[in-house]
Structures are given as C-alpha cells and as structure tokens.
Amino acid sequence: MDKEEEEDDEVVEEIDVFLSKGLNGMINLIQYPVCSAKRQYAADQRKTARVKPVHKKLELEVVLDVSSPNYDQSKGEQIALNVDGIGGEGMTYESSVMDTQVLTSVAVPHHGKRYVAALVTEGQLHCTPVSEVLQLRPGFKYMDRAEMRALQAAKMKAAESGNSSQDEAEDAKTVSVRFKGAETEAARTARERSYAAYEKRLFAEKWVTASVHSESNSYSERERNRMICKVNPDSFSTFTEMTLPPSQYLANIVP
C-alpha cells in the first residue's frame, strides 16, 4: 500500500477497547477439527458433559441422528450388541442402537493466550483472554468395553469346556527379589514428569458433571454480561494500569 492509498483509507469509526476480568481464567475455545463446518451441535443434541478442571479435560456426549441416510442402522445395532450384550443394567445404549457418541478433548499447548473472546456493546469492545484451546474428537472407549465383553465370554466358554487355565496346575516359578536404593532428586523429578505419572494423576482426578446451556437461555445471558468490563471510563486516572509504560502494561496483561 503506497502513501496515497493509506491517506485515502479513512477511519470510519473508533471504539473504546476494554480488558475484562470478570471471567478471567474461565474462557476456553472449543474446536471440532474432524467435523464438517456445517455440523452444528444444538443444545438438544448435547446430552451430557463432564470435566476434569485440573487437567483441562472435557467429555461431551452428543446425540447421533440415526434417521440420517448416512447412518448405517445395522452397524449401529451391532456395535450396541457388542458393547451391551443382550441387555441388563448399566447399558451404554439403552435404545439397542448406537445413538450417542462421546467427544473427548485434547488440549492445544501454548495457544490459549493468543486469543480473546470479545463482546461489542454500546459502541465498546470488551475482551476476555482465552485460557485454553480444546479440540474435541470422537472417543472410542465403547470399543474397549466391547473387547472386554468378548474376552469375558471367551473365558467363560473355556471354563465350561474344562480348558480353563485355572484348572491347570501351576509350575513353581523362580522369584527375583530386588531392593530399591534411595531415589535421587533428579530421578524423582524425572519420575514425576513422566507420562506414566501424568496418567496416574489424570486417572485420580474425579470427573465433575457439567450442565450444557443453550445460547439464548438466562444463564448464558448472565455469563455473557460478566464479560462486560464494569470500569467507568471517567475514572481511568484512578487506575495504576493506565499510568504504566506500554511495555510494562503489555507484560501485565500477556504474561
């Protein structure tokens, strides 16, 4: 762009920008990287949700459209049969067909601080920093349950035919005993940072049930209002942030 074009590019509007802290640390951006842009999960399609706040994990159970021409009815019935068997308590698919799907989150490292959630009201732009970026992908835990049922059925069949390994005499085995020495600080730090230790902590954290609200209900409206900065523009001089050098102010809002 040359100088003449830049001068002709007139300013059409100037608005005040505010950094809101009402929901600071509580705004997450949720992405659906494997879903079509046309695929929208309405409030009535999002059945249940649960979170692990410490580890930033989210699971969202959504309803599948079993009447869609793209849905394989026979395959859905077969999956439900493999997972739940003939029937009984604690069924995953109560309708005897796979009519729901669980989406599991994966955190995108170091991307949250790059975005803000913004709300324009009364000619003002109110911004709240995004804490985390979570990508939701289909989870396949139901396949683990189906495999477990198949293994249990195989063991029961083997036991009934008299080929169960429990009926065989066990041979004596040599047992090795090893004494573990004192753990160094470096070894302890490495162990705590290992993926196995992370999985252990993740498994230990309890799931917290979350409520799914539609965009237009009163709770959502109340939460959106918390994104509006309550600062009176006439009292800017009383805030120390307004007197900081630009570099220090930027360091405060973007650690």
C-alpha atoms as a PDB file:
ATOM      1  CA  MET A   1       0.000   0.000   0.000  1.00  0.00           C
ATOM      2  CA  ASP A   2       1.522   3.347  -1.066  1.00  0.00           C
ATOM      3  CA  LYS A   3       1.222   6.615   0.815  1.00  0.00           C
ATOM      4  CA  GLU A   4      -1.695   7.969  -1.250  1.00  0.00           C
ATOM      5  CA  GLU A   5      -3.800   4.833  -0.707  1.00  0.00           C
ATOM      6  CA  GLU A   6      -3.032   4.923   3.014  1.00  0.00           C
ATOM      7  CA  GLU A   7      -4.198   8.540   3.254  1.00  0.00           C
ATOM      8  CA  ASP A   8      -7.418   7.710   1.380  1.00  0.00           C
ATOM      9  CA  ASP A   9      -8.188   4.858   3.786  1.00  0.00           C
ATOM     10  CA  GLU A  10     -10.281   6.918   6.157  1.00  0.00           C
ATOM     11  CA  VAL A  11     -11.171   5.889   9.693  1.00  0.00           C
ATOM     12  CA  VAL A  12     -14.869   5.055   9.737  1.00  0.00           C
ATOM     13  CA  GLU A  13     -15.223   4.505  13.484  1.00  0.00           C
ATOM     14  CA  GLU A  14     -13.216   4.488  16.690  1.00  0.00           C
ATOM     15  CA  ILE A  15     -14.360   2.470  19.694  1.00  0.00           C
ATOM     16  CA  ASP A  16     -13.004   2.002  23.192  1.00  0.00           C
ATOM     17  CA  VAL A  17     -11.427  -1.375  23.971  1.00  0.00           C
ATOM     18  CA  PHE A  18     -11.604  -2.846  27.487  1.00  0.00           C
ATOM     19  CA  LEU A  19      -9.846  -5.826  29.033  1.00  0.00           C
ATOM     20  CA  SER A  20     -12.463  -7.591  31.142  1.00  0.00           C
ATOM     21  CA  LYS A  21     -11.520  -9.787  34.108  1.00  0.00           C
ATOM     22  CA  GLY A  22     -14.990 -10.973  35.113  1.00  0.00           C
ATOM     23  CA  LEU A  23     -14.427 -14.409  33.535  1.00  0.00           C
ATOM     24  CA  ASN A  24     -10.642 -14.361  33.529  1.00  0.00           C
ATOM     25  CA  GLY A  25      -9.267 -17.912  33.506  1.00  0.00           C
ATOM     26  CA  MET A  26     -12.669 -19.434  32.700  1.00  0.00           C
ATOM     27  CA  ILE A  27     -12.972 -18.936  28.934  1.00  0.00           C
ATOM     28  CA  ASN A  28     -11.991 -21.908  26.742  1.00  0.00           C
ATOM     29  CA  LEU A  29     -12.080 -22.132  22.958  1.00  0.00           C
ATOM     30  CA  ILE A  30     -13.535 -25.457  21.792  1.00  0.00           C
ATOM     31  CA  GLN A  31     -12.714 -26.673  18.291  1.00  0.00           C
ATOM     32  CA  TYR A  32     -14.085 -29.612  16.288  1.00  0.00           C
ATOM     33  CA  PRO A  33     -11.244 -30.381  13.829  1.00  0.00           C
ATOM     34  CA  VAL A  34     -12.747 -33.607  12.421  1.00  0.00           C
ATOM     35  CA  CYS A  35     -16.300 -32.289  11.995  1.00  0.00           C
ATOM     36  CA  SER A  36     -17.716 -30.552   8.965  1.00  0.00           C
ATOM     37  CA  ALA A  37     -18.249 -26.808   9.255  1.00  0.00           C
ATOM     38  CA  LYS A  38     -21.934 -27.469   8.548  1.00  0.00           C
ATOM     39  CA  ARG A  39     -22.162 -29.856  11.507  1.00  0.00           C
ATOM     40  CA  GLN A  40     -23.616 -27.899  14.416  1.00  0.00           C
ATOM     41  CA  TYR A  41     -24.333 -29.437  17.822  1.00  0.00           C
ATOM     42  CA  ALA A  42     -27.511 -27.776  19.066  1.00  0.00           C
ATOM     43  CA  ALA A  43     -28.299 -27.657  22.778  1.00  0.00           C
ATOM     44  CA  ASP A  44     -30.748 -30.564  22.489  1.00  0.00           C
ATOM     45  CA  GLN A  45     -28.076 -32.679  20.759  1.00  0.00           C
ATOM     46  CA  ARG A  46     -25.530 -32.196  23.538  1.00  0.00           C
ATOM     47  CA  LYS A  47     -26.761 -34.769  26.022  1.00  0.00           C
ATOM     48  CA  THR A  48     -24.265 -34.641  28.907  1.00  0.00           C
ATOM     49  CA  ALA A  49     -20.882 -33.109  29.689  1.00  0.00           C
ATOM     50  CA  ARG A  50     -18.221 -33.655  32.313  1.00  0.00           C
ATOM     51  CA  VAL A  51     -14.873 -32.040  33.036  1.00  0.00           C
ATOM     52  CA  LYS A  52     -11.631 -32.555  34.921  1.00  0.00           C
ATOM     53  CA  PRO A  53     -10.780 -28.930  35.767  1.00  0.00           C
ATOM     54  CA  VAL A  54      -7.197 -29.511  36.938  1.00  0.00           C
ATOM     55  CA  HIS A  55      -6.133 -31.389  33.806  1.00  0.00           C
ATOM     56  CA  LYS A  56      -8.354 -29.373  31.445  1.00  0.00           C
ATOM     57  CA  LYS A  57     -10.225 -32.429  30.143  1.00  0.00           C
ATOM     58  CA  LEU A  58     -13.716 -32.301  28.674  1.00  0.00           C
ATOM     59  CA  GLU A  59     -16.035 -35.062  27.513  1.00  0.00           C
ATOM     60  CA  LEU A  60     -19.210 -34.186  25.640  1.00  0.00           C
ATOM     61  CA  GLU A  61     -21.863 -36.777  24.843  1.00  0.00           C
ATOM     62  CA  VAL A  62     -23.800 -35.868  21.711  1.00  0.00           C
ATOM     63  CA  VAL A  63     -26.845 -37.436  20.077  1.00  0.00           C
ATOM     64  CA  LEU A  64     -26.432 -39.098  16.687  1.00  0.00           C
ATOM     65  CA  ASP A  65     -29.094 -38.769  14.011  1.00  0.00           C
ATOM     66  CA  VAL A  66     -29.952 -42.436  13.491  1.00  0.00           C
ATOM     67  CA  SER A  67     -32.591 -41.483  10.895  1.00  0.00           C
ATOM     68  CA  SER A  68     -29.970 -39.945   8.601  1.00  0.00           C
ATOM     69  CA  PRO A  69     -29.438 -41.746   5.265  1.00  0.00           C
ATOM     70  CA  ASN A  70     -25.710 -41.678   6.069  1.00  0.00           C
ATOM     71  CA  TYR A  71     -26.216 -43.697   9.272  1.00  0.00           C
ATOM     72  CA  ASP A  72     -25.672 -47.467   8.997  1.00  0.00           C
ATOM     73  CA  GLN A  73     -28.512 -48.881  11.093  1.00  0.00           C
ATOM     74  CA  SER A  74     -27.261 -52.478  11.091  1.00  0.00           C
ATOM     75  CA  LYS A  75     -23.760 -51.406  12.102  1.00  0.00           C
ATOM     76  CA  GLY A  76     -25.177 -49.250  14.893  1.00  0.00           C
ATOM     77  CA  GLU A  77     -27.182 -52.200  16.213  1.00  0.00           C
ATOM     78  CA  GLN A  78     -24.134 -54.473  16.019  1.00  0.00           C
ATOM     79  CA  ILE A  79     -21.974 -52.019  17.983  1.00  0.00           C
ATOM     80  CA  ALA A  80     -24.660 -51.709  20.671  1.00  0.00           C
ATOM     81  CA  LEU A  81     -24.895 -55.508  20.894  1.00  0.00           C
ATOM     82  CA  ASN A  82     -21.103 -55.869  21.196  1.00  0.00           C
ATOM     83  CA  VAL A  83     -20.954 -53.234  23.941  1.00  0.00           C
ATOM     84  CA  ASP A  84     -24.063 -54.077  25.996  1.00  0.00           C
ATOM     85  CA  GLY A  85     -24.841 -57.674  25.097  1.00  0.00           C
ATOM     86  CA  ILE A  86     -28.454 -58.831  25.155  1.00  0.00           C
ATOM     87  CA  GLY A  87     -29.462 -56.338  27.855  1.00  0.00           C
ATOM     88  CA  GLY A  88     -29.304 -55.618  31.554  1.00  0.00           C
ATOM     89  CA  GLU A  89     -28.321 -52.831  33.907  1.00  0.00           C
ATOM     90  CA  GLY A  90     -25.747 -50.156  33.103  1.00  0.00           C
ATOM     91  CA  MET A  91     -26.317 -50.223  29.363  1.00  0.00           C
ATOM     92  CA  THR A  92     -24.382 -47.710  27.276  1.00  0.00           C
ATOM     93  CA  TYR A  93     -27.015 -47.633  24.515  1.00  0.00           C
ATOM     94  CA  GLU A  94     -30.478 -48.097  26.038  1.00  0.00           C
ATOM     95  CA  SER A  95     -32.193 -47.974  22.645  1.00  0.00           C
ATOM     96  CA  SER A  96     -30.226 -51.055  21.466  1.00  0.00           C
ATOM     97  CA  VAL A  97     -28.553 -48.966  18.782  1.00  0.00           C
ATOM     98  CA  MET A  98     -25.517 -46.665  18.896  1.00  0.00           C
ATOM     99  CA  ASP A  99     -27.442 -43.392  19.130  1.00  0.00           C
ATOM    100  CA  THR A 100     -24.858 -41.306  21.039  1.00  0.00           C
ATOM    101  CA  GLN A 101     -21.191 -40.508  20.696  1.00  0.00           C
ATOM    102  CA  VAL A 102     -18.679 -39.190  23.237  1.00  0.00           C
ATOM    103  CA  LEU A 103     -16.306 -36.438  22.117  1.00  0.00           C
ATOM    104  CA  THR A 104     -13.053 -36.254  24.096  1.00  0.00           C
ATOM    105  CA  SER A 105     -10.865 -33.165  24.372  1.00  0.00           C
ATOM    106  CA  VAL A 106      -7.181 -32.732  23.632  1.00  0.00           C
ATOM    107  CA  ALA A 107      -5.526 -29.508  24.785  1.00  0.00           C
ATOM    108  CA  VAL A 108      -3.554 -27.486  22.227  1.00  0.00           C
ATOM    109  CA  PRO A 109      -0.403 -26.325  24.087  1.00  0.00           C
ATOM    110  CA  HIS A 110       0.505 -22.640  24.260  1.00  0.00           C
ATOM    111  CA  HIS A 111      -2.360 -21.484  22.021  1.00  0.00           C
ATOM    112  CA  GLY A 112      -4.832 -20.173  24.586  1.00  0.00           C
ATOM    113  CA  LYS A 113      -3.078 -16.893  25.295  1.00  0.00           C
ATOM    114  CA  ARG A 114      -3.174 -15.954  21.610  1.00  0.00           C
ATOM    115  CA  TYR A 115      -6.934 -15.440  21.552  1.00  0.00           C
ATOM    116  CA  VAL A 116      -9.575 -13.370  23.272  1.00  0.00           C
ATOM    117  CA  ALA A 117     -13.342 -13.680  23.462  1.00  0.00           C
ATOM    118  CA  ALA A 118     -14.819 -10.301  22.583  1.00  0.00           C
ATOM    119  CA  LEU A 119     -18.212  -8.721  23.096  1.00  0.00           C
ATOM    120  CA  VAL A 120     -19.356  -5.492  21.430  1.00  0.00           C
ATOM    121  CA  THR A 121     -21.941  -3.481  23.327  1.00  0.00           C
ATOM    122  CA  GLU A 122     -22.872   0.203  23.331  1.00  0.00           C
ATOM    123  CA  GLY A 123     -20.011   1.051  20.993  1.00  0.00           C
ATOM    124  CA  GLN A 124     -17.400  -0.612  23.225  1.00  0.00           C
ATOM    125  CA  LEU A 125     -15.287  -3.730  22.697  1.00  0.00           C
ATOM    126  CA  HIS A 126     -14.840  -5.885  25.815  1.00  0.00           C
ATOM    127  CA  CYS A 127     -12.147  -8.592  25.576  1.00  0.00           C
ATOM    128  CA  THR A 128     -11.535 -11.578  27.868  1.00  0.00           C
ATOM    129  CA  PRO A 129      -8.367 -13.684  27.353  1.00  0.00           C
ATOM    130  CA  VAL A 130      -8.904 -17.301  26.321  1.00  0.00           C
ATOM    131  CA  SER A 131      -7.333 -19.701  28.830  1.00  0.00           C
ATOM    132  CA  GLU A 132      -7.203 -22.949  26.851  1.00  0.00           C
ATOM    133  CA  VAL A 133      -7.855 -24.236  23.344  1.00  0.00           C
ATOM    134  CA  LEU A 134      -9.511 -27.671  23.442  1.00  0.00           C
ATOM    135  CA  GLN A 135     -10.057 -29.838  20.382  1.00  0.00           C
ATOM    136  CA  LEU A 136     -12.897 -32.373  20.594  1.00  0.00           C
ATOM    137  CA  ARG A 137     -12.542 -35.643  18.728  1.00  0.00           C
ATOM    138  CA  PRO A 138     -14.618 -38.842  18.835  1.00  0.00           C
ATOM    139  CA  GLY A 139     -13.672 -41.147  21.706  1.00  0.00           C
ATOM    140  CA  PHE A 140     -13.667 -44.932  21.356  1.00  0.00           C
ATOM    141  CA  LYS A 141     -13.945 -46.171  24.933  1.00  0.00           C
ATOM    142  CA  TYR A 142     -17.019 -48.152  23.902  1.00  0.00           C
ATOM    143  CA  MET A 143     -14.707 -50.373  21.840  1.00  0.00           C
ATOM    144  CA  ASP A 144     -12.715 -51.181  24.994  1.00  0.00           C
ATOM    145  CA  ARG A 145     -15.945 -52.253  26.678  1.00  0.00           C
ATOM    146  CA  ALA A 146     -16.883 -54.422  23.696  1.00  0.00           C
ATOM    147  CA  GLU A 147     -13.443 -56.056  23.744  1.00  0.00           C
ATOM    148  CA  MET A 148     -13.730 -56.701  27.484  1.00  0.00           C
ATOM    149  CA  ARG A 149     -17.100 -58.406  26.979  1.00  0.00           C
ATOM    150  CA  ALA A 150     -15.600 -60.585  24.240  1.00  0.00           C
ATOM    151  CA  LEU A 151     -12.699 -61.626  26.495  1.00  0.00           C
ATOM    152  CA  GLN A 152     -15.053 -62.447  29.357  1.00  0.00           C
ATOM    153  CA  ALA A 153     -17.231 -64.521  27.041  1.00  0.00           C
ATOM    154  CA  ALA A 154     -14.166 -66.427  25.790  1.00  0.00           C
ATOM    155  CA  LYS A 155     -13.032 -67.173  29.355  1.00  0.00           C
ATOM    156  CA  MET A 156     -16.489 -68.406  30.342  1.00  0.00           C
ATOM    157  CA  LYS A 157     -16.613 -70.660  27.294  1.00  0.00           C
ATOM    158  CA  ALA A 158     -13.167 -72.074  28.073  1.00  0.00           C
ATOM    159  CA  ALA A 159     -14.155 -72.703  31.693  1.00  0.00           C
ATOM    160  CA  GLU A 160     -17.308 -74.533  30.659  1.00  0.00           C
ATOM    161  CA  SER A 161     -15.365 -76.808  28.298  1.00  0.00           C
ATOM    162  CA  GLY A 162     -12.866 -77.694  31.007  1.00  0.00           C
ATOM    163  CA  ASN A 163      -9.977 -75.874  29.318  1.00  0.00           C
ATOM    164  CA  SER A 164      -9.772 -73.028  31.769  1.00  0.00           C
ATOM    165  CA  SER A 165      -6.237 -72.188  32.733  1.00  0.00           C
ATOM    166  CA  GLN A 166      -7.391 -72.047  36.346  1.00  0.00           C
ATOM    167  CA  ASP A 167      -7.825 -75.859  36.334  1.00  0.00           C
ATOM    168  CA  GLU A 168      -4.218 -76.470  35.318  1.00  0.00           C
ATOM    169  CA  ALA A 169      -1.539 -76.986  37.932  1.00  0.00           C
ATOM    170  CA  GLU A 170       0.875 -74.134  38.148  1.00  0.00           C
ATOM    171  CA  ASP A 171       4.578 -74.908  37.988  1.00  0.00           C
ATOM    172  CA  ALA A 172       6.926 -73.490  40.586  1.00  0.00           C
ATOM    173  CA  LYS A 173       8.477 -70.251  39.438  1.00  0.00           C
ATOM    174  CA  THR A 174      11.699 -68.576  40.415  1.00  0.00           C
ATOM    175  CA  VAL A 175      11.108 -65.232  42.090  1.00  0.00           C
ATOM    176  CA  SER A 176      13.719 -62.498  41.966  1.00  0.00           C
ATOM    177  CA  VAL A 177      13.920 -60.037  44.835  1.00  0.00           C
ATOM    178  CA  ARG A 178      15.380 -56.603  44.199  1.00  0.00           C
ATOM    179  CA  PHE A 179      15.953 -53.888  46.755  1.00  0.00           C
ATOM    180  CA  LYS A 180      15.437 -50.361  45.517  1.00  0.00           C
ATOM    181  CA  GLY A 181      18.034 -47.808  46.522  1.00  0.00           C
ATOM    182  CA  ALA A 182      17.392 -44.258  47.652  1.00  0.00           C
ATOM    183  CA  GLU A 183      15.862 -42.079  44.932  1.00  0.00           C
ATOM    184  CA  THR A 184      17.844 -39.014  43.942  1.00  0.00           C
ATOM    185  CA  GLU A 185      16.239 -35.619  43.469  1.00  0.00           C
ATOM    186  CA  ALA A 186      16.872 -35.761  39.721  1.00  0.00           C
ATOM    187  CA  ALA A 187      15.308 -39.226  39.470  1.00  0.00           C
ATOM    188  CA  ARG A 188      12.275 -38.126  41.476  1.00  0.00           C
ATOM    189  CA  THR A 189      11.788 -35.077  39.237  1.00  0.00           C
ATOM    190  CA  ALA A 190      12.080 -37.226  36.110  1.00  0.00           C
ATOM    191  CA  ARG A 191       9.577 -39.734  37.505  1.00  0.00           C
ATOM    192  CA  GLU A 192       7.054 -37.004  38.359  1.00  0.00           C
ATOM    193  CA  ARG A 193       7.367 -35.568  34.846  1.00  0.00           C
ATOM    194  CA  SER A 194       6.942 -38.923  33.126  1.00  0.00           C
ATOM    195  CA  TYR A 195       3.840 -39.730  31.110  1.00  0.00           C
ATOM    196  CA  ALA A 196       3.022 -42.623  33.437  1.00  0.00           C
ATOM    197  CA  ALA A 197       2.915 -40.214  36.385  1.00  0.00           C
ATOM    198  CA  TYR A 198       0.722 -37.835  34.380  1.00  0.00           C
ATOM    199  CA  GLU A 199      -1.692 -40.649  33.544  1.00  0.00           C
ATOM    200  CA  LYS A 200      -1.843 -41.632  37.207  1.00  0.00           C
ATOM    201  CA  ARG A 201      -2.725 -38.087  38.267  1.00  0.00           C
ATOM    202  CA  LEU A 202      -5.243 -37.784  35.433  1.00  0.00           C
ATOM    203  CA  PHE A 203      -6.943 -41.033  36.428  1.00  0.00           C
ATOM    204  CA  ALA A 204      -7.029 -39.975  40.101  1.00  0.00           C
ATOM    205  CA  GLU A 205      -8.879 -36.721  39.364  1.00  0.00           C
ATOM    206  CA  LYS A 206     -12.634 -37.167  39.591  1.00  0.00           C
ATOM    207  CA  TRP A 207     -14.958 -36.178  36.777  1.00  0.00           C
ATOM    208  CA  VAL A 208     -17.244 -33.234  37.518  1.00  0.00           C
ATOM    209  CA  THR A 209     -20.648 -33.211  35.836  1.00  0.00           C
ATOM    210  CA  ALA A 210     -21.277 -30.028  33.850  1.00  0.00           C
ATOM    211  CA  SER A 211     -24.510 -28.515  32.585  1.00  0.00           C
ATOM    212  CA  VAL A 212     -24.972 -27.646  28.922  1.00  0.00           C
ATOM    213  CA  HIS A 213     -26.909 -24.411  28.334  1.00  0.00           C
ATOM    214  CA  SER A 214     -28.320 -23.074  25.103  1.00  0.00           C
ATOM    215  CA  GLU A 215     -27.039 -19.807  23.716  1.00  0.00           C
ATOM    216  CA  SER A 216     -30.244 -17.905  24.472  1.00  0.00           C
ATOM    217  CA  ASN A 217     -31.173 -19.052  27.989  1.00  0.00           C
ATOM    218  CA  SER A 218     -30.932 -16.843  31.073  1.00  0.00           C
ATOM    219  CA  TYR A 219     -27.789 -18.493  32.461  1.00  0.00           C
ATOM    220  CA  SER A 220     -25.854 -17.927  29.219  1.00  0.00           C
ATOM    221  CA  GLU A 221     -27.033 -14.321  29.108  1.00  0.00           C
ATOM    222  CA  ARG A 222     -25.913 -13.762  32.695  1.00  0.00           C
ATOM    223  CA  GLU A 223     -22.471 -15.220  31.984  1.00  0.00           C
ATOM    224  CA  ARG A 224     -22.066 -13.069  28.861  1.00  0.00           C
ATOM    225  CA  ASN A 225     -22.805  -9.978  30.930  1.00  0.00           C
ATOM    226  CA  ARG A 226     -19.833 -10.887  33.121  1.00  0.00           C
ATOM    227  CA  MET A 227     -17.631 -10.300  30.083  1.00  0.00           C
ATOM    228  CA  ILE A 228     -18.535  -6.617  30.145  1.00  0.00           C
ATOM    229  CA  CYS A 229     -15.955  -4.539  31.963  1.00  0.00           C
ATOM    230  CA  LYS A 230     -17.552  -2.573  34.811  1.00  0.00           C
ATOM    231  CA  VAL A 231     -14.992   0.222  34.736  1.00  0.00           C
ATOM    232  CA  ASN A 232     -16.258   3.791  34.480  1.00  0.00           C
ATOM    233  CA  PRO A 233     -14.338   5.482  31.616  1.00  0.00           C
ATOM    234  CA  ASP A 234     -14.418   8.788  33.522  1.00  0.00           C
ATOM    235  CA  SER A 235     -12.297   7.312  36.312  1.00  0.00           C
ATOM    236  CA  PHE A 236      -9.356   5.972  34.276  1.00  0.00           C
ATOM    237  CA  SER A 237      -6.952   8.218  36.157  1.00  0.00           C
ATOM    238  CA  THR A 238      -7.548   6.270  39.368  1.00  0.00           C
ATOM    239  CA  PHE A 239      -6.220   3.006  37.898  1.00  0.00           C
ATOM    240  CA  THR A 240      -2.496   2.379  38.085  1.00  0.00           C
ATOM    241  CA  GLU A 241      -2.615   0.278  34.887  1.00  0.00           C
ATOM    242  CA  MET A 242      -3.317   3.439  32.933  1.00  0.00           C
ATOM    243  CA  THR A 243      -0.091   5.053  34.141  1.00  0.00           C
ATOM    244  CA  LEU A 244       2.282   2.174  33.361  1.00  0.00           C
ATOM    245  CA  PRO A 245       4.751   2.324  30.453  1.00  0.00           C
ATOM    246  CA  PRO A 246       3.463   0.452  27.378  1.00  0.00           C
ATOM    247  CA  SER A 247       5.977  -2.402  27.734  1.00  0.00           C
ATOM    248  CA  GLN A 248       5.085  -2.992  31.400  1.00  0.00           C
ATOM    249  CA  TYR A 249       1.342  -2.815  30.689  1.00  0.00           C
ATOM    250  CA  LEU A 250       1.714  -5.394  27.905  1.00  0.00           C
ATOM    251  CA  ALA A 251       3.709  -7.685  30.206  1.00  0.00           C
ATOM    252  CA  ASN A 252       0.950  -7.485  32.829  1.00  0.00           C
ATOM    253  CA  ILE A 253      -1.898  -8.478  30.521  1.00  0.00           C
ATOM    254  CA  VAL A 254       0.071 -11.066  28.482  1.00  0.00           C
ATOM    255  CA  PRO A 255       2.376 -12.970  30.899  1.00  0.00           C
END
